[in-house]
Amino acid sequence: MTGKAKPKKHTAKELAAKLDAATTNRGGGKAGIADRTGSTKGGHAKYECPHCKITAPDVKSMQIHHDSKHPKIPFDDTKISNLHATAPVVAESSAPRPGVRGSLKK
């Protein structure tokens, strides 16, 4: 009778997923604070909604957000705060590196 156990070898897809999870910065914690605040060159959170404080990369996206979430309030692009202008610039050399996930066994 043959067994139904899972084979012990790792697939290429599984190994690639482990490598991606270990080396990719997902934006949480201290490593992703620069991206969330929009203070670096690669920051995506450039504009902030004055009503709900959600962020958007450009004015057009902010207008789409405003039309769908705040339809009763007229859109005024002068009230949108630019986070890149207010946040301090972080140097490239001091930018946080992505964390490497170690083994799950302790």
Protein backbone atom coordinates (compact mmCIF):
# COMPACT_ATOMS: atom_id res chain seq x y z
CA MET A 1 0.00 0.00 0.00
CA THR A 2 1.39 3.41 -0.92
CA GLY A 3 1.38 6.33 1.49
CA LYS A 4 -0.50 9.57 1.02
CA ALA A 5 2.08 11.73 2.71
CA LYS A 6 3.17 15.00 1.17
CA PRO A 7 6.51 14.73 -0.61
CA LYS A 8 9.45 16.18 1.31
CA LYS A 9 10.87 18.17 -1.61
CA HIS A 10 10.13 21.86 -1.95
CA THR A 11 8.70 23.12 -5.20
CA ALA A 12 10.23 26.01 -7.12
CA LYS A 13 7.06 28.05 -6.49
CA GLU A 14 7.31 27.49 -2.74
CA LEU A 15 11.00 28.42 -2.65
CA ALA A 16 10.34 31.57 -4.68
CA ALA A 17 7.51 32.54 -2.33
CA LYS A 18 9.77 32.05 0.71
CA LEU A 19 12.51 34.15 -0.87
CA ASP A 20 10.02 36.89 -1.75
CA ALA A 21 8.56 36.91 1.77
CA ALA A 22 12.01 37.06 3.31
CA THR A 23 13.44 39.88 1.23
CA THR A 24 10.52 42.12 0.26
CA ASN A 25 9.60 45.08 2.41
CA ARG A 26 5.85 44.91 2.94
CA GLY A 27 5.68 48.40 4.40
CA GLY A 28 4.94 47.65 8.03
CA GLY A 29 6.77 48.85 11.12
CA LYS A 30 9.84 51.06 11.02
CA ALA A 31 10.90 49.80 7.61
CA GLY A 32 7.78 51.16 5.91
CA ILE A 33 7.25 54.40 7.80
CA ALA A 34 9.12 56.42 5.19
CA ASP A 35 6.89 55.05 2.44
CA ARG A 36 3.70 55.63 4.42
CA THR A 37 4.57 59.22 5.26
CA GLY A 38 5.79 59.96 1.75
CA SER A 39 9.05 61.45 2.91
CA THR A 40 11.30 59.53 0.51
CA LYS A 41 11.64 59.65 -3.23
CA GLY A 42 9.69 56.40 -3.59
CA GLY A 43 6.95 57.42 -1.18
CA HIS A 44 3.48 56.90 -2.54
CA ALA A 45 1.51 58.86 0.04
CA LYS A 46 1.88 62.34 -1.39
CA TYR A 47 -1.53 63.95 -0.83
CA GLU A 48 -3.79 63.66 2.22
CA CYS A 49 -7.57 64.10 2.31
CA PRO A 50 -8.53 66.92 4.72
CA HIS A 51 -11.70 65.08 5.79
CA CYS A 52 -10.69 61.47 6.46
CA LYS A 53 -6.85 61.70 6.33
CA ILE A 54 -6.52 58.98 3.67
CA THR A 55 -3.57 59.37 1.30
CA ALA A 56 -3.33 59.31 -2.50
CA PRO A 57 -0.40 59.51 -4.95
CA ASP A 58 -1.78 62.35 -7.10
CA VAL A 59 -4.53 64.98 -7.29
CA LYS A 60 -6.61 63.00 -9.79
CA SER A 61 -6.76 59.98 -7.47
CA MET A 62 -7.64 62.29 -4.59
CA GLN A 63 -10.47 63.78 -6.64
CA ILE A 64 -11.80 60.29 -7.43
CA HIS A 65 -11.63 59.43 -3.72
CA HIS A 66 -13.34 62.69 -2.78
CA ASP A 67 -16.17 62.22 -5.30
CA SER A 68 -16.90 58.70 -4.07
CA LYS A 69 -16.46 59.14 -0.30
CA HIS A 70 -17.45 62.78 0.28
CA PRO A 71 -20.07 63.56 -2.41
CA LYS A 72 -21.89 66.27 -0.42
CA ILE A 73 -18.75 68.36 0.13
CA PRO A 74 -17.47 70.29 -2.92
CA PHE A 75 -13.94 69.35 -4.03
CA ASP A 76 -11.33 72.02 -3.41
CA ASP A 77 -7.77 71.08 -4.36
CA THR A 78 -6.29 73.91 -2.28
CA LYS A 79 -7.35 72.17 0.95
CA ILE A 80 -5.42 68.99 0.09
CA SER A 81 -2.19 68.80 2.09
CA ASN A 82 1.02 67.82 0.30
CA LEU A 83 2.90 65.41 2.58
CA HIS A 84 6.11 65.64 0.57
CA ALA A 85 6.36 69.33 1.31
CA THR A 86 5.83 68.94 5.07
CA ALA A 87 7.81 65.76 5.84
CA PRO A 88 11.61 65.87 6.29
CA VAL A 89 13.63 64.24 3.54
CA VAL A 90 15.38 60.99 4.49
CA ALA A 91 18.79 60.40 2.90
CA GLU A 92 19.15 57.35 0.67
CA SER A 93 21.98 55.87 2.76
CA SER A 94 19.96 56.00 5.98
CA ALA A 95 16.83 54.49 4.42
CA PRO A 96 15.72 51.33 6.23
CA ARG A 97 16.55 48.02 4.61
CA PRO A 98 13.97 45.29 4.29
CA GLY A 99 14.03 42.82 7.14
CA VAL A 100 14.99 39.23 6.52
CA ARG A 101 12.68 36.68 8.05
CA GLY A 102 14.57 33.95 9.86
CA SER A 103 13.50 30.39 10.48
CA LEU A 104 10.27 29.72 12.31
CA LYS A 105 11.91 27.10 14.54
CA LYS A 106 13.47 28.46 17.73
